[in-house]
Amino acid sequence: MSATLGLVCVVDASTLADFDVQVVKQNWSGQDPLADANRETAYDNCLAGTQDVVWRNTSGIAINTQYMSPPLDAGYLTPGAVVYYSLRGSRDKSNTPPASNGNEYIRIASANHGTPSYRPVLVVDYSGVLPAITRVVMPSLGITIVDTRIKLRARERNASLTTEVRSSSVGS
């Protein structure tokens, strides 16, 4: 199994200093949904969370363009379960404040964005490795008679009699 995260930057105000956008393994389900009362806890936990990958650096980022992350840690994913990730800037993680003469941020399209193709997407690929020796089930032909009381009989000369052949799978 492998996974990648696709995000779209809709505003780039990182002109003073470029930074890495980090994907963080952080289960913030205790703060879901985010509200004023729990936002600070979610932010603090994001700063303390484990970085999975760098989605990308803001240098040369084009707005309204989807970029896919490198492969995420598949061990963090559980099929059928809800998974939580956070995003943080590398300058936030290193406690490097922006210059005093301007802003230093980007905005990522959310799941509620008006353009569906801009919304975040987590792409999970499931694949299995076949063993070197595999038992293959091949279809076998057989004759099926639905009701054994039915007999094939012609009432007129030169009438043709037919039976139906159905395919069935044989194997275990």
Foldseek 3Di string as FASTA:
>chain_A
DWKKKKWFWAFFFQVQHKWWKFKFQFPPVVCPPPDPVCPVVVVVRLLVTHTFFGQGISVPHDGPDIGIRPIGDCVQDDPPDDGDIDIDTPCVSVVNDGDPPGDHDIDIDDCPDPDNVNHMDMDDDDDDDDDPDDDDWDKDKDFDDPDPVDDFDDPDPPDDTDGDIDIDIDDD
